[in-house]
PDB file of N, CA and C in Angstrom:
ATOM      1  N   UNK A   1       8.121 -10.558   4.649  1.00  0.00           N
ATOM      2  CA  UNK A   1       7.230 -11.474   3.970  1.00  0.00           C
ATOM      3  C   UNK A   1       7.182 -11.164   2.473  1.00  0.00           C
ATOM      4  N   UNK A   2       7.181  -9.888   2.118  1.00  0.00           N
ATOM      5  CA  UNK A   2       7.103  -9.517   0.704  1.00  0.00           C
ATOM      6  C   UNK A   2       8.362  -9.950  -0.033  1.00  0.00           C
ATOM      7  N   UNK A   3       9.526  -9.836   0.616  1.00  0.00           N
ATOM      8  CA  UNK A   3      10.768 -10.255  -0.038  1.00  0.00           C
ATOM      9  C   UNK A   3      10.769 -11.769  -0.230  1.00  0.00           C
ATOM     10  N   UNK A   4      10.245 -12.489   0.743  1.00  0.00           N
ATOM     11  CA  UNK A   4      10.146 -13.942   0.610  1.00  0.00           C
ATOM     12  C   UNK A   4       9.233 -14.351  -0.538  1.00  0.00           C
ATOM     13  N   UNK A   5       8.129 -13.636  -0.686  1.00  0.00           N
ATOM     14  CA  UNK A   5       7.206 -13.917  -1.783  1.00  0.00           C
ATOM     15  C   UNK A   5       7.860 -13.603  -3.130  1.00  0.00           C
ATOM     16  N   UNK A   6       8.575 -12.483  -3.210  1.00  0.00           N
ATOM     17  CA  UNK A   6       9.279 -12.141  -4.455  1.00  0.00           C
ATOM     18  C   UNK A   6      10.345 -13.181  -4.779  1.00  0.00           C
ATOM     19  N   UNK A   7      11.081 -13.652  -3.756  1.00  0.00           N
ATOM     20  CA  UNK A   7      12.087 -14.692  -3.978  1.00  0.00           C
ATOM     21  C   UNK A   7      11.443 -15.973  -4.491  1.00  0.00           C
ATOM     22  N   UNK A   8      10.329 -16.360  -3.879  1.00  0.00           N
ATOM     23  CA  UNK A   8       9.633 -17.573  -4.302  1.00  0.00           C
ATOM     24  C   UNK A   8       9.147 -17.460  -5.746  1.00  0.00           C
ATOM     25  N   UNK A   9       8.528 -16.328  -6.088  1.00  0.00           N
ATOM     26  CA  UNK A   9       8.031 -16.156  -7.453  1.00  0.00           C
ATOM     27  C   UNK A   9       9.170 -16.128  -8.470  1.00  0.00           C
ATOM     28  N   UNK A  10      10.273 -15.481  -8.114  1.00  0.00           N
ATOM     29  CA  UNK A  10      11.431 -15.471  -9.010  1.00  0.00           C
ATOM     30  C   UNK A  10      12.002 -16.862  -9.211  1.00  0.00           C
ATOM     31  N   UNK A  11      12.064 -17.625  -8.137  1.00  0.00           N
ATOM     32  CA  UNK A  11      12.577 -18.995  -8.208  1.00  0.00           C
ATOM     33  C   UNK A  11      11.678 -19.869  -9.074  1.00  0.00           C
ATOM     34  N   UNK A  12      10.379 -19.781  -8.870  1.00  0.00           N
ATOM     35  CA  UNK A  12       9.437 -20.575  -9.657  1.00  0.00           C
ATOM     36  C   UNK A  12       9.494 -20.168 -11.129  1.00  0.00           C
ATOM     37  N   UNK A  13       9.589 -18.873 -11.375  1.00  0.00           N
ATOM     38  CA  UNK A  13       9.655 -18.386 -12.760  1.00  0.00           C
ATOM     39  C   UNK A  13      10.908 -18.906 -13.461  1.00  0.00           C
ATOM     40  N   UNK A  14      12.053 -18.843 -12.779  1.00  0.00           N
ATOM     41  CA  UNK A  14      13.291 -19.308 -13.400  1.00  0.00           C
ATOM     42  C   UNK A  14      13.283 -20.815 -13.615  1.00  0.00           C
ATOM     43  N   UNK A  15      12.703 -21.549 -12.702  1.00  0.00           N
ATOM     44  CA  UNK A  15      12.645 -23.008 -12.857  1.00  0.00           C
ATOM     45  C   UNK A  15      11.666 -23.429 -13.954  1.00  0.00           C
ATOM     46  N   UNK A  16      10.737 -22.572 -14.304  1.00  0.00           N
ATOM     47  CA  UNK A  16       9.823 -22.883 -15.401  1.00  0.00           C
ATOM     48  C   UNK A  16      10.351 -22.362 -16.741  1.00  0.00           C
ATOM     49  N   UNK A  17      11.072 -21.245 -16.725  1.00  0.00           N
ATOM     50  CA  UNK A  17      11.495 -20.597 -17.968  1.00  0.00           C
ATOM     51  C   UNK A  17      12.713 -21.273 -18.599  1.00  0.00           C
ATOM     52  N   UNK A  18      13.772 -21.464 -17.820  1.00  0.00           N
ATOM     53  CA  UNK A  18      15.023 -21.953 -18.395  1.00  0.00           C
ATOM     54  C   UNK A  18      14.961 -23.403 -18.873  1.00  0.00           C
ATOM     55  N   UNK A  19      14.242 -24.315 -18.228  1.00  0.00           N
ATOM     56  CA  UNK A  19      14.152 -25.665 -18.793  1.00  0.00           C
ATOM     57  C   UNK A  19      13.461 -25.713 -20.163  1.00  0.00           C
ATOM     58  N   UNK A  20      12.592 -24.746 -20.464  1.00  0.00           N
ATOM     59  CA  UNK A  20      11.989 -24.731 -21.795  1.00  0.00           C
ATOM     60  C   UNK A  20      13.020 -24.408 -22.865  1.00  0.00           C
ATOM     61  N   UNK A  21      14.116 -23.768 -22.461  1.00  0.00           N
ATOM     62  CA  UNK A  21      15.205 -23.473 -23.392  1.00  0.00           C
ATOM     63  C   UNK A  21      16.261 -24.577 -23.401  1.00  0.00           C
ATOM     64  N   UNK A  22      16.088 -25.581 -22.551  1.00  0.00           N
ATOM     65  CA  UNK A  22      17.037 -26.680 -22.483  1.00  0.00           C
ATOM     66  C   UNK A  22      18.206 -26.402 -21.551  1.00  0.00           C
ATOM     67  N   UNK A  23      18.069 -25.417 -20.670  1.00  0.00           N
ATOM     68  CA  UNK A  23      19.136 -25.052 -19.737  1.00  0.00           C
ATOM     69  C   UNK A  23      18.714 -25.467 -18.333  1.00  0.00           C
ATOM     70  N   UNK A  24      19.623 -26.060 -17.605  1.00  0.00           N
ATOM     71  CA  UNK A  24      19.351 -26.444 -16.228  1.00  0.00           C
ATOM     72  C   UNK A  24      19.617 -25.220 -15.346  1.00  0.00           C
ATOM     73  N   UNK A  25      18.612 -24.738 -14.604  1.00  0.00           N
ATOM     74  CA  UNK A  25      18.789 -23.512 -13.807  1.00  0.00           C
ATOM     75  C   UNK A  25      19.895 -23.611 -12.750  1.00  0.00           C
ATOM     76  N   UNK A  26      20.132 -24.810 -12.201  1.00  0.00           N
ATOM     77  CA  UNK A  26      21.176 -24.965 -11.191  1.00  0.00           C
ATOM     78  C   UNK A  26      22.559 -24.735 -11.773  1.00  0.00           C
ATOM     79  N   UNK A  27      22.732 -24.994 -13.071  1.00  0.00           N
ATOM     80  CA  UNK A  27      24.022 -24.760 -13.715  1.00  0.00           C
ATOM     81  C   UNK A  27      24.330 -23.274 -13.864  1.00  0.00           C
ATOM     82  N   UNK A  28      23.311 -22.436 -13.854  1.00  0.00           N
ATOM     83  CA  UNK A  28      23.518 -20.995 -14.008  1.00  0.00           C
ATOM     84  C   UNK A  28      23.911 -20.324 -12.690  1.00  0.00           C
ATOM     85  N   UNK A  29      23.647 -20.960 -11.561  1.00  0.00           N
ATOM     86  CA  UNK A  29      24.006 -20.480 -10.233  1.00  0.00           C
ATOM     87  C   UNK A  29      23.548 -19.038  -9.992  1.00  0.00           C
ATOM     88  N   UNK A  30      22.234 -18.848 -10.028  1.00  0.00           N
ATOM     89  CA  UNK A  30      21.663 -17.526  -9.785  1.00  0.00           C
ATOM     90  C   UNK A  30      21.807 -17.142  -8.316  1.00  0.00           C
ATOM     91  N   UNK A  31      22.023 -15.875  -8.070  1.00  0.00           N
ATOM     92  CA  UNK A  31      22.096 -15.370  -6.703  1.00  0.00           C
ATOM     93  C   UNK A  31      20.697 -15.003  -6.207  1.00  0.00           C
ATOM     94  N   UNK A  32      20.619 -14.654  -4.929  1.00  0.00           N
ATOM     95  CA  UNK A  32      19.340 -14.228  -4.368  1.00  0.00           C
ATOM     96  C   UNK A  32      18.865 -12.963  -5.076  1.00  0.00           C
ATOM     97  N   UNK A  33      19.787 -12.051  -5.389  1.00  0.00           N
ATOM     98  CA  UNK A  33      19.425 -10.822  -6.089  1.00  0.00           C
ATOM     99  C   UNK A  33      18.850 -11.121  -7.469  1.00  0.00           C
ATOM    100  N   UNK A  34      19.377 -12.133  -8.136  1.00  0.00           N
ATOM    101  CA  UNK A  34      18.854 -12.505  -9.453  1.00  0.00           C
ATOM    102  C   UNK A  34      17.447 -13.080  -9.332  1.00  0.00           C
ATOM    103  N   UNK A  35      17.209 -13.849  -8.274  1.00  0.00           N
ATOM    104  CA  UNK A  35      15.863 -14.389  -8.056  1.00  0.00           C
ATOM    105  C   UNK A  35      14.871 -13.262  -7.812  1.00  0.00           C
ATOM    106  N   UNK A  36      15.263 -12.274  -7.018  1.00  0.00           N
ATOM    107  CA  UNK A  36      14.384 -11.147  -6.736  1.00  0.00           C
ATOM    108  C   UNK A  36      14.159 -10.292  -7.979  1.00  0.00           C
ATOM    109  N   UNK A  37      15.174 -10.195  -8.832  1.00  0.00           N
ATOM    110  CA  UNK A  37      15.039  -9.397 -10.049  1.00  0.00           C
ATOM    111  C   UNK A  37      14.121 -10.061 -11.069  1.00  0.00           C
ATOM    112  N   UNK A  38      14.010 -11.374 -11.041  1.00  0.00           N
ATOM    113  CA  UNK A  38      13.150 -12.094 -11.981  1.00  0.00           C
ATOM    114  C   UNK A  38      11.688 -12.090 -11.545  1.00  0.00           C
ATOM    115  N   UNK A  39      11.395 -11.796 -10.295  1.00  0.00           N
ATOM    116  CA  UNK A  39      10.025 -11.900  -9.794  1.00  0.00           C
ATOM    117  C   UNK A  39       9.057 -10.924 -10.444  1.00  0.00           C
ATOM    118  N   UNK A  40       9.434  -9.692 -10.824  1.00  0.00           N
ATOM    119  CA  UNK A  40       8.445  -8.830 -11.485  1.00  0.00           C
ATOM    120  C   UNK A  40       7.934  -9.408 -12.804  1.00  0.00           C
ATOM    121  N   UNK A  41       8.768 -10.160 -13.514  1.00  0.00           N
ATOM    122  CA  UNK A  41       8.298 -10.797 -14.740  1.00  0.00           C
ATOM    123  C   UNK A  41       7.208 -11.820 -14.458  1.00  0.00           C
ATOM    124  N   UNK A  42       7.309 -12.498 -13.335  1.00  0.00           N
ATOM    125  CA  UNK A  42       6.347 -13.550 -13.004  1.00  0.00           C
ATOM    126  C   UNK A  42       5.012 -12.995 -12.540  1.00  0.00           C
ATOM    127  N   UNK A  43       5.002 -11.796 -11.952  1.00  0.00           N
ATOM    128  CA  UNK A  43       3.748 -11.277 -11.412  1.00  0.00           C
ATOM    129  C   UNK A  43       3.151 -10.154 -12.263  1.00  0.00           C
ATOM    130  N   UNK A  44       3.804  -9.780 -13.360  1.00  0.00           N
ATOM    131  CA  UNK A  44       3.298  -8.666 -14.164  1.00  0.00           C
ATOM    132  C   UNK A  44       1.956  -8.991 -14.810  1.00  0.00           C
ATOM    133  N   UNK A  45       1.844 -10.126 -15.483  1.00  0.00           N
ATOM    134  CA  UNK A  45       0.619 -10.456 -16.208  1.00  0.00           C
ATOM    135  C   UNK A  45      -0.601 -10.591 -15.285  1.00  0.00           C
ATOM    136  N   UNK A  46      -0.512 -11.321 -14.157  1.00  0.00           N
ATOM    137  CA  UNK A  46      -1.694 -11.376 -13.286  1.00  0.00           C
ATOM    138  C   UNK A  46      -2.091 -10.010 -12.725  1.00  0.00           C
ATOM    139  N   UNK A  47      -1.116  -9.188 -12.355  1.00  0.00           N
ATOM    140  CA  UNK A  47      -1.449  -7.859 -11.845  1.00  0.00           C
ATOM    141  C   UNK A  47      -2.052  -6.984 -12.929  1.00  0.00           C
ATOM    142  N   UNK A  48      -1.504  -7.057 -14.126  1.00  0.00           N
ATOM    143  CA  UNK A  48      -2.043  -6.280 -15.242  1.00  0.00           C
ATOM    144  C   UNK A  48      -3.487  -6.702 -15.516  1.00  0.00           C
ATOM    145  N   UNK A  49      -3.735  -7.982 -15.505  1.00  0.00           N
ATOM    146  CA  UNK A  49      -5.077  -8.489 -15.752  1.00  0.00           C
ATOM    147  C   UNK A  49      -6.063  -7.974 -14.702  1.00  0.00           C
ATOM    148  N   UNK A  50      -5.662  -8.006 -13.437  1.00  0.00           N
ATOM    149  CA  UNK A  50      -6.551  -7.532 -12.376  1.00  0.00           C
ATOM    150  C   UNK A  50      -6.778  -6.027 -12.444  1.00  0.00           C
ATOM    151  N   UNK A  51      -5.727  -5.275 -12.719  1.00  0.00           N
ATOM    152  CA  UNK A  51      -5.837  -3.821 -12.707  1.00  0.00           C
ATOM    153  C   UNK A  51      -6.528  -3.256 -13.940  1.00  0.00           C
ATOM    154  N   UNK A  52      -6.474  -3.956 -15.067  1.00  0.00           N
ATOM    155  CA  UNK A  52      -7.093  -3.456 -16.293  1.00  0.00           C
ATOM    156  C   UNK A  52      -8.456  -4.103 -16.528  1.00  0.00           C
ATOM    157  N   UNK A  53      -8.516  -5.394 -16.445  1.00  0.00           N
ATOM    158  CA  UNK A  53      -9.763  -6.088 -16.761  1.00  0.00           C
ATOM    159  C   UNK A  53     -10.770  -6.035 -15.614  1.00  0.00           C
ATOM    160  N   UNK A  54     -10.304  -5.932 -14.379  1.00  0.00           N
ATOM    161  CA  UNK A  54     -11.213  -5.856 -13.247  1.00  0.00           C
ATOM    162  C   UNK A  54     -12.148  -4.662 -13.306  1.00  0.00           C
ATOM    163  N   UNK A  55     -11.626  -3.436 -13.484  1.00  0.00           N
ATOM    164  CA  UNK A  55     -12.530  -2.283 -13.594  1.00  0.00           C
ATOM    165  C   UNK A  55     -13.452  -2.349 -14.816  1.00  0.00           C
ATOM    166  N   UNK A  56     -12.983  -2.936 -15.897  1.00  0.00           N
ATOM    167  CA  UNK A  56     -13.835  -3.066 -17.082  1.00  0.00           C
ATOM    168  C   UNK A  56     -15.029  -3.966 -16.760  1.00  0.00           C
ATOM    169  N   UNK A  57     -14.788  -5.065 -16.083  1.00  0.00           N
ATOM    170  CA  UNK A  57     -15.873  -5.976 -15.704  1.00  0.00           C
ATOM    171  C   UNK A  57     -16.841  -5.273 -14.753  1.00  0.00           C
ATOM    172  N   UNK A  58     -16.305  -4.510 -13.794  1.00  0.00           N
ATOM    173  CA  UNK A  58     -17.179  -3.790 -12.869  1.00  0.00           C
ATOM    174  C   UNK A  58     -18.027  -2.754 -13.592  1.00  0.00           C
ATOM    175  N   UNK A  59     -17.464  -2.055 -14.565  1.00  0.00           N
ATOM    176  CA  UNK A  59     -18.238  -1.080 -15.332  1.00  0.00           C
ATOM    177  C   UNK A  59     -19.347  -1.750 -16.137  1.00  0.00           C
ATOM    178  N   UNK A  60     -19.030  -2.869 -16.755  1.00  0.00           N
ATOM    179  CA  UNK A  60     -20.037  -3.585 -17.548  1.00  0.00           C
ATOM    180  C   UNK A  60     -21.150  -4.104 -16.643  1.00  0.00           C
ATOM    181  N   UNK A  61     -20.801  -4.645 -15.477  1.00  0.00           N
ATOM    182  CA  UNK A  61     -21.827  -5.136 -14.554  1.00  0.00           C
ATOM    183  C   UNK A  61     -22.680  -3.991 -14.020  1.00  0.00           C
ATOM    184  N   UNK A  62     -22.074  -2.855 -13.725  1.00  0.00           N
ATOM    185  CA  UNK A  62     -22.846  -1.694 -13.276  1.00  0.00           C
ATOM    186  C   UNK A  62     -23.773  -1.187 -14.363  1.00  0.00           C
ATOM    187  N   UNK A  63     -23.305  -1.176 -15.601  1.00  0.00           N
ATOM    188  CA  UNK A  63     -24.142  -0.745 -16.724  1.00  0.00           C
ATOM    189  C   UNK A  63     -25.313  -1.715 -16.910  1.00  0.00           C
ATOM    190  N   UNK A  64     -25.041  -3.015 -16.832  1.00  0.00           N
ATOM    191  CA  UNK A  64     -26.107  -4.008 -16.998  1.00  0.00           C
ATOM    192  C   UNK A  64     -27.129  -3.906 -15.862  1.00  0.00           C
ATOM    193  N   UNK A  65     -26.673  -3.621 -14.661  1.00  0.00           N
ATOM    194  CA  UNK A  65     -27.590  -3.487 -13.532  1.00  0.00           C
ATOM    195  C   UNK A  65     -28.474  -2.250 -13.684  1.00  0.00           C
ATOM    196  N   UNK A  66     -27.895  -1.164 -14.156  1.00  0.00           N
ATOM    197  CA  UNK A  66     -28.708   0.048 -14.327  1.00  0.00           C
ATOM    198  C   UNK A  66     -29.711  -0.112 -15.464  1.00  0.00           C
ATOM    199  N   UNK A  67     -29.366  -0.879 -16.475  1.00  0.00           N
ATOM    200  CA  UNK A  67     -30.296  -1.124 -17.584  1.00  0.00           C
ATOM    201  C   UNK A  67     -31.447  -2.030 -17.152  1.00  0.00           C
ATOM    202  N   UNK A  68     -31.152  -3.006 -16.314  1.00  0.00           N
ATOM    203  CA  UNK A  68     -32.198  -3.951 -15.905  1.00  0.00           C
ATOM    204  C   UNK A  68     -33.035  -3.415 -14.741  1.00  0.00           C
ATOM    205  N   UNK A  69     -32.605  -2.362 -14.081  1.00  0.00           N
ATOM    206  CA  UNK A  69     -33.346  -1.841 -12.923  1.00  0.00           C
ATOM    207  C   UNK A  69     -34.669  -1.221 -13.342  1.00  0.00           C
ATOM    208  N   UNK A  70     -34.776  -0.687 -14.537  1.00  0.00           N
ATOM    209  CA  UNK A  70     -36.002  -0.033 -14.964  1.00  0.00           C
ATOM    210  C   UNK A  70     -37.035  -0.971 -15.549  1.00  0.00           C
ATOM    211  N   UNK A  71     -36.680  -2.166 -15.895  1.00  0.00           N
ATOM    212  CA  UNK A  71     -37.601  -3.106 -16.544  1.00  0.00           C
ATOM    213  C   UNK A  71     -38.289  -3.975 -15.512  1.00  0.00           C
ATOM    214  N   UNK A  72     -39.577  -4.157 -15.702  1.00  0.00           N
ATOM    215  CA  UNK A  72     -40.338  -5.067 -14.860  1.00  0.00           C
ATOM    216  C   UNK A  72     -40.900  -4.446 -13.604  1.00  0.00           C
ATOM    217  N   UNK A  73     -40.624  -3.206 -13.343  1.00  0.00           N
ATOM    218  CA  UNK A  73     -41.149  -2.576 -12.139  1.00  0.00           C
ATOM    219  C   UNK A  73     -41.992  -1.364 -12.555  1.00  0.00           C
ATOM    220  N   UNK A  74     -43.258  -1.412 -12.193  1.00  0.00           N
ATOM    221  CA  UNK A  74     -44.149  -0.279 -12.465  1.00  0.00           C
ATOM    222  C   UNK A  74     -44.688   0.226 -11.140  1.00  0.00           C
ATOM    223  N   UNK A  75     -44.983   1.479 -11.058  1.00  0.00           N
ATOM    224  CA  UNK A  75     -45.575   1.995  -9.820  1.00  0.00           C
ATOM    225  C   UNK A  75     -46.921   1.328  -9.552  1.00  0.00           C
ATOM    226  N   UNK A  76     -47.320   1.239  -8.305  1.00  0.00           N
ATOM    227  CA  UNK A  76     -48.572   0.595  -7.926  1.00  0.00           C
ATOM    228  C   UNK A  76     -49.767   1.360  -8.489  1.00  0.00           C
ATOM    229  N   UNK A  77     -49.720   2.658  -8.551  1.00  0.00           N
ATOM    230  CA  UNK A  77     -50.844   3.466  -9.026  1.00  0.00           C
ATOM    231  C   UNK A  77     -51.090   3.271 -10.517  1.00  0.00           C
ATOM    232  N   UNK A  78     -50.090   2.877 -11.269  1.00  0.00           N
ATOM    233  CA  UNK A  78     -50.256   2.717 -12.715  1.00  0.00           C
ATOM    234  C   UNK A  78     -50.923   1.392 -13.073  1.00  0.00           C
ATOM    235  N   UNK A  79     -51.054   0.500 -12.143  1.00  0.00           N
ATOM    236  CA  UNK A  79     -51.658  -0.812 -12.437  1.00  0.00           C
ATOM    237  C   UNK A  79     -53.097  -0.697 -12.508  1.00  0.00           C
TER     238      UNK A  79
END
């Protein structure tokens, strides 16, 4: 299944990339190995975004939650 997904992503990436340069991808006659080799380029940015920005968002949300936890709550005896 993973190889099929890599092939699909490589195929989609090549069909989007080469026409922007004015080249028809079918004329280049890429092999299956070439499709698999192109797939890391297609999935690098989304994975990088999840692995780098995801923990940053979680840290900021945790910091905001800890800051807001102390406000608005007083012990019953202090009222």
